[in-house]
């Protein structure tokens, strides 16, 4: 399969998913369960992406400076710090661990 065929199939698939979303009746979207899932799904997907990018490396589990940065961010988050401070703590700890480790 050529690269352009893969791009075309992907584009058609994205369009089909968008079309199916537009065809869902408005009444189905007003149900409390659907509203709750719609609110929680982006958080779950972002958490999964963060975990995969932090701890995954192909087929192996990796614990390196990134894990220390995420742990530091979690601690600062529990202390209810502003978001920029959470990101800054993660960056500083990750850079510090990398500097100490080589």
PDB file of N, CA and C in Angstrom:
ATOM      1  N   UNK A   1       0.856  -1.176   0.000  1.00  0.00           N
ATOM      2  CA  UNK A   1       0.000   0.000   0.000  1.00  0.00           C
ATOM      3  C   UNK A   1       0.902   1.239   0.000  1.00  0.00           C
ATOM      4  N   UNK A   2       0.626   2.135  -0.901  1.00  0.00           N
ATOM      5  CA  UNK A   2       1.461   3.333  -0.992  1.00  0.00           C
ATOM      6  C   UNK A   2       1.106   4.318   0.107  1.00  0.00           C
ATOM      7  N   UNK A   3       1.989   5.264   0.298  1.00  0.00           N
ATOM      8  CA  UNK A   3       1.788   6.261   1.348  1.00  0.00           C
ATOM      9  C   UNK A   3       0.568   7.126   1.054  1.00  0.00           C
ATOM     10  N   UNK A   4       0.335   7.436  -0.238  1.00  0.00           N
ATOM     11  CA  UNK A   4      -0.812   8.273  -0.584  1.00  0.00           C
ATOM     12  C   UNK A   4      -2.125   7.542  -0.392  1.00  0.00           C
ATOM     13  N   UNK A   5      -2.109   6.242  -0.597  1.00  0.00           N
ATOM     14  CA  UNK A   5      -3.318   5.462  -0.352  1.00  0.00           C
ATOM     15  C   UNK A   5      -3.621   5.441   1.155  1.00  0.00           C
ATOM     16  N   UNK A   6      -2.594   5.300   1.970  1.00  0.00           N
ATOM     17  CA  UNK A   6      -2.781   5.321   3.415  1.00  0.00           C
ATOM     18  C   UNK A   6      -3.301   6.677   3.877  1.00  0.00           C
ATOM     19  N   UNK A   7      -2.782   7.747   3.299  1.00  0.00           N
ATOM     20  CA  UNK A   7      -3.252   9.093   3.639  1.00  0.00           C
ATOM     21  C   UNK A   7      -4.707   9.256   3.227  1.00  0.00           C
ATOM     22  N   UNK A   8      -5.065   8.773   2.050  1.00  0.00           N
ATOM     23  CA  UNK A   8      -6.448   8.864   1.581  1.00  0.00           C
ATOM     24  C   UNK A   8      -7.414   8.080   2.452  1.00  0.00           C
ATOM     25  N   UNK A   9      -7.029   6.866   2.821  1.00  0.00           N
ATOM     26  CA  UNK A   9      -7.881   6.037   3.690  1.00  0.00           C
ATOM     27  C   UNK A   9      -8.043   6.695   5.052  1.00  0.00           C
ATOM     28  N   UNK A  10      -6.963   7.251   5.572  1.00  0.00           N
ATOM     29  CA  UNK A  10      -7.037   7.939   6.864  1.00  0.00           C
ATOM     30  C   UNK A  10      -7.946   9.157   6.779  1.00  0.00           C
ATOM     31  N   UNK A  11      -7.832   9.929   5.712  1.00  0.00           N
ATOM     32  CA  UNK A  11      -8.675  11.115   5.536  1.00  0.00           C
ATOM     33  C   UNK A  11     -10.141  10.730   5.433  1.00  0.00           C
ATOM     34  N   UNK A  12     -10.435   9.681   4.663  1.00  0.00           N
ATOM     35  CA  UNK A  12     -11.825   9.217   4.557  1.00  0.00           C
ATOM     36  C   UNK A  12     -12.344   8.700   5.891  1.00  0.00           C
ATOM     37  N   UNK A  13     -11.496   8.007   6.634  1.00  0.00           N
ATOM     38  CA  UNK A  13     -11.905   7.520   7.953  1.00  0.00           C
ATOM     39  C   UNK A  13     -12.215   8.662   8.905  1.00  0.00           C
ATOM     40  N   UNK A  14     -11.379   9.691   8.893  1.00  0.00           N
ATOM     41  CA  UNK A  14     -11.624  10.864   9.751  1.00  0.00           C
ATOM     42  C   UNK A  14     -12.924  11.556   9.357  1.00  0.00           C
ATOM     43  N   UNK A  15     -13.162  11.683   8.053  1.00  0.00           N
ATOM     44  CA  UNK A  15     -14.395  12.310   7.588  1.00  0.00           C
ATOM     45  C   UNK A  15     -15.606  11.482   8.007  1.00  0.00           C
ATOM     46  N   UNK A  16     -15.498  10.153   7.905  1.00  0.00           N
ATOM     47  CA  UNK A  16     -16.609   9.278   8.289  1.00  0.00           C
ATOM     48  C   UNK A  16     -16.915   9.393   9.783  1.00  0.00           C
ATOM     49  N   UNK A  17     -15.878   9.449  10.609  1.00  0.00           N
ATOM     50  CA  UNK A  17     -16.096   9.593  12.049  1.00  0.00           C
ATOM     51  C   UNK A  17     -16.773  10.930  12.353  1.00  0.00           C
ATOM     52  N   UNK A  18     -16.344  11.984  11.677  1.00  0.00           N
ATOM     53  CA  UNK A  18     -16.957  13.307  11.856  1.00  0.00           C
ATOM     54  C   UNK A  18     -18.419  13.277  11.417  1.00  0.00           C
ATOM     55  N   UNK A  19     -18.707  12.637  10.299  1.00  0.00           N
ATOM     56  CA  UNK A  19     -20.065  12.544   9.791  1.00  0.00           C
ATOM     57  C   UNK A  19     -20.963  11.765  10.738  1.00  0.00           C
ATOM     58  N   UNK A  20     -20.463  10.668  11.267  1.00  0.00           N
ATOM     59  CA  UNK A  20     -21.240   9.880  12.224  1.00  0.00           C
ATOM     60  C   UNK A  20     -21.539  10.714  13.472  1.00  0.00           C
ATOM     61  N   UNK A  21     -20.581  11.515  13.915  1.00  0.00           N
ATOM     62  CA  UNK A  21     -20.801  12.384  15.064  1.00  0.00           C
ATOM     63  C   UNK A  21     -21.872  13.421  14.808  1.00  0.00           C
ATOM     64  N   UNK A  22     -21.935  13.930  13.584  1.00  0.00           N
ATOM     65  CA  UNK A  22     -22.960  14.910  13.243  1.00  0.00           C
ATOM     66  C   UNK A  22     -24.342  14.287  13.092  1.00  0.00           C
ATOM     67  N   UNK A  23     -24.400  12.998  12.797  1.00  0.00           N
ATOM     68  CA  UNK A  23     -25.681  12.316  12.607  1.00  0.00           C
ATOM     69  C   UNK A  23     -26.305  11.833  13.910  1.00  0.00           C
ATOM     70  N   UNK A  24     -25.591  11.928  15.007  1.00  0.00           N
ATOM     71  CA  UNK A  24     -26.144  11.503  16.303  1.00  0.00           C
ATOM     72  C   UNK A  24     -27.244  12.479  16.698  1.00  0.00           C
ATOM     73  N   UNK A  25     -28.417  11.962  17.076  1.00  0.00           N
ATOM     74  CA  UNK A  25     -29.513  12.862  17.459  1.00  0.00           C
ATOM     75  C   UNK A  25     -29.157  13.692  18.691  1.00  0.00           C
ATOM     76  N   UNK A  26     -29.652  14.927  18.721  1.00  0.00           N
ATOM     77  CA  UNK A  26     -29.355  15.836  19.830  1.00  0.00           C
ATOM     78  C   UNK A  26     -29.869  15.282  21.153  1.00  0.00           C
ATOM     79  N   UNK A  27     -30.964  14.556  21.133  1.00  0.00           N
ATOM     80  CA  UNK A  27     -31.514  13.980  22.362  1.00  0.00           C
ATOM     81  C   UNK A  27     -30.573  12.979  23.014  1.00  0.00           C
ATOM     82  N   UNK A  28     -29.809  12.270  22.199  1.00  0.00           N
ATOM     83  CA  UNK A  28     -28.863  11.292  22.752  1.00  0.00           C
ATOM     84  C   UNK A  28     -27.708  11.980  23.450  1.00  0.00           C
ATOM     85  N   UNK A  29     -27.377  13.181  23.003  1.00  0.00           N
ATOM     86  CA  UNK A  29     -26.254  13.906  23.594  1.00  0.00           C
ATOM     87  C   UNK A  29     -26.629  14.600  24.898  1.00  0.00           C
ATOM     88  N   UNK A  30     -27.913  14.717  25.168  1.00  0.00           N
ATOM     89  CA  UNK A  30     -28.371  15.400  26.382  1.00  0.00           C
ATOM     90  C   UNK A  30     -28.488  14.475  27.589  1.00  0.00           C
ATOM     91  N   UNK A  31     -28.293  13.184  27.403  1.00  0.00           N
ATOM     92  CA  UNK A  31     -28.393  12.239  28.516  1.00  0.00           C
ATOM     93  C   UNK A  31     -27.261  12.481  29.506  1.00  0.00           C
ATOM     94  N   UNK A  32     -27.539  12.349  30.816  1.00  0.00           N
ATOM     95  CA  UNK A  32     -26.505  12.618  31.830  1.00  0.00           C
ATOM     96  C   UNK A  32     -25.260  11.737  31.689  1.00  0.00           C
ATOM     97  N   UNK A  33     -25.443  10.469  31.353  1.00  0.00           N
ATOM     98  CA  UNK A  33     -24.293   9.578  31.209  1.00  0.00           C
ATOM     99  C   UNK A  33     -23.387  10.031  30.062  1.00  0.00           C
ATOM    100  N   UNK A  34     -23.992  10.413  28.960  1.00  0.00           N
ATOM    101  CA  UNK A  34     -23.213  10.857  27.803  1.00  0.00           C
ATOM    102  C   UNK A  34     -22.463  12.150  28.135  1.00  0.00           C
ATOM    103  N   UNK A  35     -23.127  13.067  28.827  1.00  0.00           N
ATOM    104  CA  UNK A  35     -22.472  14.322  29.214  1.00  0.00           C
ATOM    105  C   UNK A  35     -21.282  14.052  30.140  1.00  0.00           C
ATOM    106  N   UNK A  36     -21.463  13.121  31.084  1.00  0.00           N
ATOM    107  CA  UNK A  36     -20.383  12.798  32.016  1.00  0.00           C
ATOM    108  C   UNK A  36     -19.197  12.156  31.303  1.00  0.00           C
ATOM    109  N   UNK A  37     -19.510  11.231  30.404  1.00  0.00           N
ATOM    110  CA  UNK A  37     -18.438  10.595  29.636  1.00  0.00           C
ATOM    111  C   UNK A  37     -17.720  11.602  28.749  1.00  0.00           C
ATOM    112  N   UNK A  38     -18.463  12.519  28.140  1.00  0.00           N
ATOM    113  CA  UNK A  38     -17.845  13.532  27.280  1.00  0.00           C
ATOM    114  C   UNK A  38     -16.935  14.454  28.088  1.00  0.00           C
ATOM    115  N   UNK A  39     -17.267  14.677  29.348  1.00  0.00           N
ATOM    116  CA  UNK A  39     -16.430  15.533  30.183  1.00  0.00           C
ATOM    117  C   UNK A  39     -15.183  14.801  30.666  1.00  0.00           C
ATOM    118  N   UNK A  40     -15.287  13.501  30.901  1.00  0.00           N
ATOM    119  CA  UNK A  40     -14.167  12.747  31.463  1.00  0.00           C
ATOM    120  C   UNK A  40     -13.248  12.120  30.419  1.00  0.00           C
ATOM    121  N   UNK A  41     -13.741  11.902  29.226  1.00  0.00           N
ATOM    122  CA  UNK A  41     -12.953  11.218  28.201  1.00  0.00           C
ATOM    123  C   UNK A  41     -11.672  11.959  27.821  1.00  0.00           C
ATOM    124  N   UNK A  42     -11.683  13.277  27.608  1.00  0.00           N
ATOM    125  CA  UNK A  42     -10.420  13.960  27.275  1.00  0.00           C
ATOM    126  C   UNK A  42      -9.367  13.839  28.376  1.00  0.00           C
ATOM    127  N   UNK A  43      -9.799  13.865  29.639  1.00  0.00           N
ATOM    128  CA  UNK A  43      -8.855  13.733  30.748  1.00  0.00           C
ATOM    129  C   UNK A  43      -8.231  12.343  30.738  1.00  0.00           C
ATOM    130  N   UNK A  44      -9.049  11.327  30.509  1.00  0.00           N
ATOM    131  CA  UNK A  44      -8.536   9.956  30.476  1.00  0.00           C
ATOM    132  C   UNK A  44      -7.574   9.750  29.309  1.00  0.00           C
ATOM    133  N   UNK A  45      -7.905  10.295  28.155  1.00  0.00           N
ATOM    134  CA  UNK A  45      -7.021  10.154  27.000  1.00  0.00           C
ATOM    135  C   UNK A  45      -5.694  10.885  27.208  1.00  0.00           C
ATOM    136  N   UNK A  46      -5.753  12.067  27.800  1.00  0.00           N
ATOM    137  CA  UNK A  46      -4.526  12.812  28.075  1.00  0.00           C
ATOM    138  C   UNK A  46      -3.657  12.094  29.107  1.00  0.00           C
ATOM    139  N   UNK A  47      -4.290  11.523  30.123  1.00  0.00           N
ATOM    140  CA  UNK A  47      -3.538  10.764  31.123  1.00  0.00           C
ATOM    141  C   UNK A  47      -2.881   9.535  30.502  1.00  0.00           C
ATOM    142  N   UNK A  48      -3.598   8.843  29.633  1.00  0.00           N
ATOM    143  CA  UNK A  48      -3.030   7.663  28.969  1.00  0.00           C
ATOM    144  C   UNK A  48      -1.869   8.051  28.066  1.00  0.00           C
ATOM    145  N   UNK A  49      -2.019   9.146  27.337  1.00  0.00           N
ATOM    146  CA  UNK A  49      -0.933   9.605  26.470  1.00  0.00           C
ATOM    147  C   UNK A  49       0.292  10.005  27.279  1.00  0.00           C
ATOM    148  N   UNK A  50       0.063  10.700  28.387  1.00  0.00           N
ATOM    149  CA  UNK A  50       1.168  11.099  29.250  1.00  0.00           C
ATOM    150  C   UNK A  50       1.885   9.884  29.818  1.00  0.00           C
ATOM    151  N   UNK A  51       1.132   8.908  30.287  1.00  0.00           N
ATOM    152  CA  UNK A  51       1.746   7.695  30.846  1.00  0.00           C
ATOM    153  C   UNK A  51       2.536   6.934  29.786  1.00  0.00           C
ATOM    154  N   UNK A  52       1.982   6.828  28.586  1.00  0.00           N
ATOM    155  CA  UNK A  52       2.672   6.099  27.524  1.00  0.00           C
ATOM    156  C   UNK A  52       3.952   6.814  27.116  1.00  0.00           C
ATOM    157  N   UNK A  53       3.907   8.134  27.015  1.00  0.00           N
ATOM    158  CA  UNK A  53       5.090   8.885  26.616  1.00  0.00           C
ATOM    159  C   UNK A  53       6.136   8.948  27.722  1.00  0.00           C
ATOM    160  N   UNK A  54       5.699   8.856  28.973  1.00  0.00           N
ATOM    161  CA  UNK A  54       6.631   8.949  30.089  1.00  0.00           C
ATOM    162  C   UNK A  54       7.289   7.610  30.389  1.00  0.00           C
ATOM    163  N   UNK A  55       6.513   6.555  30.424  1.00  0.00           N
ATOM    164  CA  UNK A  55       7.018   5.265  30.885  1.00  0.00           C
ATOM    165  C   UNK A  55       7.242   4.238  29.784  1.00  0.00           C
ATOM    166  N   UNK A  56       6.864   4.544  28.561  1.00  0.00           N
ATOM    167  CA  UNK A  56       7.004   3.575  27.485  1.00  0.00           C
ATOM    168  C   UNK A  56       8.130   3.924  26.543  1.00  0.00           C
ATOM    169  N   UNK A  57       8.801   2.900  26.059  1.00  0.00           N
ATOM    170  CA  UNK A  57       9.850   3.074  25.061  1.00  0.00           C
ATOM    171  C   UNK A  57       9.810   1.861  24.141  1.00  0.00           C
ATOM    172  N   UNK A  58       8.935   1.910  23.169  1.00  0.00           N
ATOM    173  CA  UNK A  58       8.775   0.750  22.299  1.00  0.00           C
ATOM    174  C   UNK A  58       8.001  -0.335  23.008  1.00  0.00           C
ATOM    175  N   UNK A  59       8.695  -1.382  23.424  1.00  0.00           N
ATOM    176  CA  UNK A  59       8.040  -2.518  24.078  1.00  0.00           C
ATOM    177  C   UNK A  59       8.483  -2.692  25.523  1.00  0.00           C
ATOM    178  N   UNK A  60       9.162  -1.712  26.083  1.00  0.00           N
ATOM    179  CA  UNK A  60       9.698  -1.866  27.435  1.00  0.00           C
ATOM    180  C   UNK A  60       9.220  -0.734  28.342  1.00  0.00           C
ATOM    181  N   UNK A  61       9.199  -1.027  29.620  1.00  0.00           N
ATOM    182  CA  UNK A  61       8.884  -0.031  30.632  1.00  0.00           C
ATOM    183  C   UNK A  61      10.173   0.685  31.009  1.00  0.00           C
ATOM    184  N   UNK A  62      10.133   2.022  31.003  1.00  0.00           N
ATOM    185  CA  UNK A  62      11.329   2.808  31.257  1.00  0.00           C
ATOM    186  C   UNK A  62      11.070   3.739  32.436  1.00  0.00           C
ATOM    187  N   UNK A  63      11.969   3.720  33.394  1.00  0.00           N
ATOM    188  CA  UNK A  63      11.918   4.666  34.500  1.00  0.00           C
ATOM    189  C   UNK A  63      13.176   5.519  34.426  1.00  0.00           C
ATOM    190  N   UNK A  64      13.010   6.765  33.982  1.00  0.00           N
ATOM    191  CA  UNK A  64      14.155   7.657  33.852  1.00  0.00           C
ATOM    192  C   UNK A  64      13.793   9.032  34.396  1.00  0.00           C
ATOM    193  N   UNK A  65      14.446  10.054  33.923  1.00  0.00           N
ATOM    194  CA  UNK A  65      14.234  11.408  34.435  1.00  0.00           C
ATOM    195  C   UNK A  65      12.809  11.891  34.205  1.00  0.00           C
ATOM    196  N   UNK A  66      12.184  11.413  33.139  1.00  0.00           N
ATOM    197  CA  UNK A  66      10.801  11.825  32.880  1.00  0.00           C
ATOM    198  C   UNK A  66       9.869  11.380  33.997  1.00  0.00           C
ATOM    199  N   UNK A  67      10.088  10.186  34.531  1.00  0.00           N
ATOM    200  CA  UNK A  67       9.262   9.696  35.631  1.00  0.00           C
ATOM    201  C   UNK A  67       9.431  10.558  36.871  1.00  0.00           C
ATOM    202  N   UNK A  68      10.644  11.004  37.126  1.00  0.00           N
ATOM    203  CA  UNK A  68      10.881  11.892  38.261  1.00  0.00           C
ATOM    204  C   UNK A  68      10.166  13.225  38.059  1.00  0.00           C
ATOM    205  N   UNK A  69      10.158  13.725  36.845  1.00  0.00           N
ATOM    206  CA  UNK A  69       9.458  14.973  36.546  1.00  0.00           C
ATOM    207  C   UNK A  69       7.957  14.854  36.729  1.00  0.00           C
ATOM    208  N   UNK A  70       7.396  13.737  36.287  1.00  0.00           N
ATOM    209  CA  UNK A  70       5.951  13.517  36.469  1.00  0.00           C
ATOM    210  C   UNK A  70       5.620  13.379  37.952  1.00  0.00           C
ATOM    211  N   UNK A  71       6.473  12.690  38.699  1.00  0.00           N
ATOM    212  CA  UNK A  71       6.252  12.560  40.145  1.00  0.00           C
ATOM    213  C   UNK A  71       6.297  13.920  40.833  1.00  0.00           C
ATOM    214  N   UNK A  72       7.249  14.755  40.446  1.00  0.00           N
ATOM    215  CA  UNK A  72       7.342  16.098  41.028  1.00  0.00           C
ATOM    216  C   UNK A  72       6.103  16.917  40.676  1.00  0.00           C
ATOM    217  N   UNK A  73       5.645  16.801  39.446  1.00  0.00           N
ATOM    218  CA  UNK A  73       4.438  17.524  39.037  1.00  0.00           C
ATOM    219  C   UNK A  73       3.228  17.046  39.836  1.00  0.00           C
ATOM    220  N   UNK A  74       3.147  15.750  40.092  1.00  0.00           N
ATOM    221  CA  UNK A  74       2.025  15.219  40.872  1.00  0.00           C
ATOM    222  C   UNK A  74       2.047  15.762  42.295  1.00  0.00           C
ATOM    223  N   UNK A  75       3.236  15.841  42.885  1.00  0.00           N
ATOM    224  CA  UNK A  75       3.345  16.370  44.255  1.00  0.00           C
ATOM    225  C   UNK A  75       2.919  17.837  44.286  1.00  0.00           C
ATOM    226  N   UNK A  76       3.397  18.617  43.333  1.00  0.00           N
ATOM    227  CA  UNK A  76       3.042  20.036  43.299  1.00  0.00           C
ATOM    228  C   UNK A  76       1.557  20.211  43.001  1.00  0.00           C
ATOM    229  N   UNK A  77       1.005  19.318  42.201  1.00  0.00           N
ATOM    230  CA  UNK A  77      -0.427  19.371  41.895  1.00  0.00           C
ATOM    231  C   UNK A  77      -1.267  19.083  43.131  1.00  0.00           C
ATOM    232  N   UNK A  78      -0.820  18.118  43.952  1.00  0.00           N
ATOM    233  CA  UNK A  78      -1.538  17.801  45.193  1.00  0.00           C
ATOM    234  C   UNK A  78      -1.516  18.996  46.139  1.00  0.00           C
ATOM    235  N   UNK A  79      -0.467  19.784  46.080  1.00  0.00           N
ATOM    236  CA  UNK A  79      -0.368  20.989  46.914  1.00  0.00           C
ATOM    237  C   UNK A  79      -1.181  22.155  46.352  1.00  0.00           C
ATOM    238  N   UNK A  80      -1.903  21.900  45.267  1.00  0.00           N
ATOM    239  CA  UNK A  80      -2.793  22.880  44.630  1.00  0.00           C
ATOM    240  C   UNK A  80      -2.060  24.116  44.116  1.00  0.00           C
ATOM    241  N   UNK A  81      -0.913  23.907  43.533  1.00  0.00           N
ATOM    242  CA  UNK A  81      -0.156  25.011  42.951  1.00  0.00           C
ATOM    243  C   UNK A  81      -0.747  25.371  41.581  1.00  0.00           C
ATOM    244  N   UNK A  82      -0.489  26.571  41.087  1.00  0.00           N
ATOM    245  CA  UNK A  82      -0.951  26.948  39.746  1.00  0.00           C
ATOM    246  C   UNK A  82      -0.295  26.068  38.674  1.00  0.00           C
ATOM    247  N   UNK A  83      -0.956  25.986  37.536  1.00  0.00           N
ATOM    248  CA  UNK A  83      -0.507  25.087  36.480  1.00  0.00           C
ATOM    249  C   UNK A  83       0.916  25.398  36.020  1.00  0.00           C
ATOM    250  N   UNK A  84       1.248  26.664  35.856  1.00  0.00           N
ATOM    251  CA  UNK A  84       2.602  27.009  35.400  1.00  0.00           C
ATOM    252  C   UNK A  84       3.664  26.554  36.402  1.00  0.00           C
ATOM    253  N   UNK A  85       3.345  26.601  37.672  1.00  0.00           N
ATOM    254  CA  UNK A  85       4.275  26.119  38.685  1.00  0.00           C
ATOM    255  C   UNK A  85       4.423  24.600  38.613  1.00  0.00           C
ATOM    256  N   UNK A  86       3.349  23.910  38.308  1.00  0.00           N
ATOM    257  CA  UNK A  86       3.404  22.450  38.144  1.00  0.00           C
ATOM    258  C   UNK A  86       4.333  22.095  36.983  1.00  0.00           C
ATOM    259  N   UNK A  87       4.161  22.783  35.859  1.00  0.00           N
ATOM    260  CA  UNK A  87       5.009  22.523  34.689  1.00  0.00           C
ATOM    261  C   UNK A  87       6.461  22.880  35.000  1.00  0.00           C
ATOM    262  N   UNK A  88       6.669  24.007  35.669  1.00  0.00           N
ATOM    263  CA  UNK A  88       8.032  24.420  36.006  1.00  0.00           C
ATOM    264  C   UNK A  88       8.707  23.409  36.926  1.00  0.00           C
ATOM    265  N   UNK A  89       7.973  22.884  37.905  1.00  0.00           N
ATOM    266  CA  UNK A  89       8.547  21.880  38.805  1.00  0.00           C
ATOM    267  C   UNK A  89       8.945  20.625  38.034  1.00  0.00           C
ATOM    268  N   UNK A  90       8.096  20.205  37.117  1.00  0.00           N
ATOM    269  CA  UNK A  90       8.415  19.022  36.310  1.00  0.00           C
ATOM    270  C   UNK A  90       9.652  19.251  35.460  1.00  0.00           C
ATOM    271  N   UNK A  91       9.764  20.422  34.868  1.00  0.00           N
ATOM    272  CA  UNK A  91      10.913  20.737  34.020  1.00  0.00           C
ATOM    273  C   UNK A  91      12.199  20.783  34.833  1.00  0.00           C
ATOM    274  N   UNK A  92      12.148  21.462  35.972  1.00  0.00           N
ATOM    275  CA  UNK A  92      13.352  21.605  36.810  1.00  0.00           C
ATOM    276  C   UNK A  92      13.806  20.245  37.324  1.00  0.00           C
ATOM    277  N   UNK A  93      12.876  19.430  37.811  1.00  0.00           N
ATOM    278  CA  UNK A  93      13.263  18.121  38.353  1.00  0.00           C
ATOM    279  C   UNK A  93      13.798  17.221  37.235  1.00  0.00           C
ATOM    280  N   UNK A  94      13.145  17.220  36.103  1.00  0.00           N
ATOM    281  CA  UNK A  94      13.620  16.386  34.985  1.00  0.00           C
ATOM    282  C   UNK A  94      15.011  16.814  34.540  1.00  0.00           C
ATOM    283  N   UNK A  95      15.225  18.120  34.407  1.00  0.00           N
ATOM    284  CA  UNK A  95      16.548  18.620  34.008  1.00  0.00           C
ATOM    285  C   UNK A  95      17.594  18.305  35.074  1.00  0.00           C
ATOM    286  N   UNK A  96      17.226  18.434  36.340  1.00  0.00           N
ATOM    287  CA  UNK A  96      18.162  18.115  37.411  1.00  0.00           C
ATOM    288  C   UNK A  96      18.567  16.651  37.426  1.00  0.00           C
ATOM    289  N   UNK A  97      17.603  15.771  37.258  1.00  0.00           N
ATOM    290  CA  UNK A  97      17.926  14.330  37.234  1.00  0.00           C
ATOM    291  C   UNK A  97      18.779  13.987  36.025  1.00  0.00           C
ATOM    292  N   UNK A  98      18.460  14.585  34.894  1.00  0.00           N
ATOM    293  CA  UNK A  98      19.286  14.326  33.692  1.00  0.00           C
ATOM    294  C   UNK A  98      20.699  14.871  33.863  1.00  0.00           C
ATOM    295  N   UNK A  99      20.829  16.044  34.522  1.00  0.00           N
ATOM    296  CA  UNK A  99      22.154  16.608  34.726  1.00  0.00           C
ATOM    297  C   UNK A  99      22.989  15.747  35.680  1.00  0.00           C
ATOM    298  N   UNK A 100      22.354  15.200  36.705  1.00  0.00           N
ATOM    299  CA  UNK A 100      23.082  14.334  37.644  1.00  0.00           C
ATOM    300  C   UNK A 100      23.417  12.980  37.022  1.00  0.00           C
ATOM    301  N   UNK A 101      22.550  12.502  36.125  1.00  0.00           N
ATOM    302  CA  UNK A 101      22.764  11.181  35.553  1.00  0.00           C
ATOM    303  C   UNK A 101      23.639  11.169  34.326  1.00  0.00           C
ATOM    304  N   UNK A 102      23.947  12.299  33.797  1.00  0.00           N
ATOM    305  CA  UNK A 102      24.814  12.346  32.620  1.00  0.00           C
ATOM    306  C   UNK A 102      24.107  12.809  31.473  1.00  0.00           C
TER     307      UNK A 102
END
